[in-house]
């Protein structure tokens, strides 16, 4: 599939696809004419990348996570470090969710008071 088709299916721009490719997050196949070509697995991969970015992961962290998911003989110390970073990210997201829920409840209370 062409980059524009992948972009349409995933909700990202073709520029973002080129950025992901430059960072090594996705790999396109090249046609004889040099054009990029993607497959159905790339749709899921781009959606996965997008969801991790929305959760606050950097492209570097996503690349590390991808590397660990593909290599079974990874260094234990690096794996533990990566896991600790992901746990910290999860704690930060939980804290943010709590804060947002508090703000939502405060706003709902104010709206209810004005009604």
Protein backbone atom coordinates (compact mmCIF):
# COMPACT_ATOMS: atom_id res chain seq x y z
CA UNK A 1 0.00 0.00 0.00
CA UNK A 2 1.15 3.52 -0.72
CA UNK A 3 2.17 5.90 2.09
CA UNK A 4 -0.98 7.97 1.55
CA UNK A 5 -3.12 4.86 2.05
CA UNK A 6 -1.30 3.93 5.25
CA UNK A 7 -1.65 7.51 6.46
CA UNK A 8 -5.39 7.46 5.78
CA UNK A 9 -5.85 4.15 7.63
CA UNK A 10 -3.87 5.24 10.69
CA UNK A 11 -4.70 8.93 10.97
CA UNK A 12 -1.12 10.14 10.68
CA UNK A 13 0.42 12.16 7.89
CA UNK A 14 2.86 10.85 5.32
CA UNK A 15 5.42 13.18 6.89
CA UNK A 16 4.95 11.38 10.21
CA UNK A 17 5.43 8.05 8.44
CA UNK A 18 8.73 9.28 7.02
CA UNK A 19 9.72 10.43 10.53
CA UNK A 20 8.88 7.01 11.99
CA UNK A 21 10.95 5.41 9.25
CA UNK A 22 13.89 7.76 9.89
CA UNK A 23 13.76 6.79 13.57
CA UNK A 24 13.73 3.10 12.65
CA UNK A 25 10.25 2.49 14.02
CA UNK A 26 8.85 1.22 10.73
CA UNK A 27 10.52 -0.12 7.62
CA UNK A 28 9.00 0.31 4.19
CA UNK A 29 9.64 -1.92 1.25
CA UNK A 30 10.92 -0.11 -1.82
CA UNK A 31 9.32 -0.70 -5.19
CA UNK A 32 11.40 -0.82 -8.38
CA UNK A 33 10.64 2.86 -8.92
CA UNK A 34 11.98 3.71 -5.43
CA UNK A 35 8.57 4.46 -3.95
CA UNK A 36 7.78 3.32 -0.44
CA UNK A 37 5.35 0.44 -0.01
CA UNK A 38 3.71 -0.80 3.20
CA UNK A 39 1.69 -3.85 4.20
CA UNK A 40 -1.15 -4.67 6.60
CA UNK A 41 1.25 -5.30 9.51
CA UNK A 42 2.47 -1.72 9.17
CA UNK A 43 -1.07 -0.46 9.87
CA UNK A 44 -1.05 -2.16 13.28
CA UNK A 45 2.51 -1.09 13.98
CA UNK A 46 1.78 2.59 13.25
CA UNK A 47 -1.33 2.41 15.47
CA UNK A 48 0.79 0.84 18.23
CA UNK A 49 3.43 3.58 17.88
CA UNK A 50 0.77 6.29 17.93
CA UNK A 51 -0.85 4.87 21.07
CA UNK A 52 2.50 4.72 22.88
CA UNK A 53 3.30 8.30 21.86
CA UNK A 54 -0.08 9.41 23.25
CA UNK A 55 0.86 7.69 26.52
CA UNK A 56 3.99 9.83 26.73
CA UNK A 57 6.64 7.48 25.39
CA UNK A 58 9.37 9.02 23.26
CA UNK A 59 10.30 7.60 19.87
CA UNK A 60 13.59 6.48 21.43
CA UNK A 61 11.75 4.56 24.15
CA UNK A 62 9.45 3.00 21.57
CA UNK A 63 12.46 1.90 19.53
CA UNK A 64 13.96 0.30 22.66
CA UNK A 65 10.69 -1.45 23.44
CA UNK A 66 10.48 -2.72 19.86
CA UNK A 67 14.05 -3.98 20.04
CA UNK A 68 13.29 -5.89 23.25
CA UNK A 69 10.15 -7.43 21.79
CA UNK A 70 12.16 -8.86 18.89
CA UNK A 71 15.25 -10.11 20.71
CA UNK A 72 14.99 -13.08 23.05
CA UNK A 73 18.60 -13.05 24.30
CA UNK A 74 18.57 -9.50 25.62
CA UNK A 75 20.86 -8.31 28.38
CA UNK A 76 19.11 -8.77 31.74
CA UNK A 77 20.35 -5.45 33.14
CA UNK A 78 19.07 -3.53 30.11
CA UNK A 79 15.75 -5.35 30.26
CA UNK A 80 15.35 -4.53 33.96
CA UNK A 81 16.25 -0.90 33.28
CA UNK A 82 13.74 -0.70 30.42
CA UNK A 83 11.07 -2.34 32.57
CA UNK A 84 11.75 0.16 35.38
CA UNK A 85 11.40 3.05 32.94
CA UNK A 86 8.08 1.68 31.74
CA UNK A 87 6.85 1.24 35.30
CA UNK A 88 7.82 4.85 36.04
CA UNK A 89 5.91 5.98 32.95
CA UNK A 90 2.89 4.00 34.16
CA UNK A 91 3.10 5.65 37.59
CA UNK A 92 3.30 9.08 35.95
CA UNK A 93 0.24 8.29 33.84
CA UNK A 94 -1.66 7.08 36.93
CA UNK A 95 -0.78 10.34 38.70
CA UNK A 96 -1.96 12.35 35.71
CA UNK A 97 -5.22 10.39 35.59
CA UNK A 98 -5.81 11.11 39.29
CA UNK A 99 -5.16 14.81 38.74
CA UNK A 100 -7.48 14.93 35.74
CA UNK A 101 -10.21 13.12 37.68
CA UNK A 102 -9.88 15.64 40.52
CA UNK A 103 -10.14 18.54 38.07
CA UNK A 104 -13.12 16.89 36.37
CA UNK A 105 -14.89 16.43 39.71
CA UNK A 106 -14.20 20.03 40.69
CA UNK A 107 -15.57 21.28 37.39
CA UNK A 108 -18.64 19.03 37.65
CA UNK A 109 -19.30 20.34 41.16
CA UNK A 110 -19.09 23.95 39.98
CA UNK A 111 -21.38 23.28 37.04
CA UNK A 112 -23.87 21.58 39.34
CA UNK A 113 -23.74 24.56 41.73
CA UNK A 114 -24.55 26.98 38.89
CA UNK A 115 -27.53 24.99 37.64
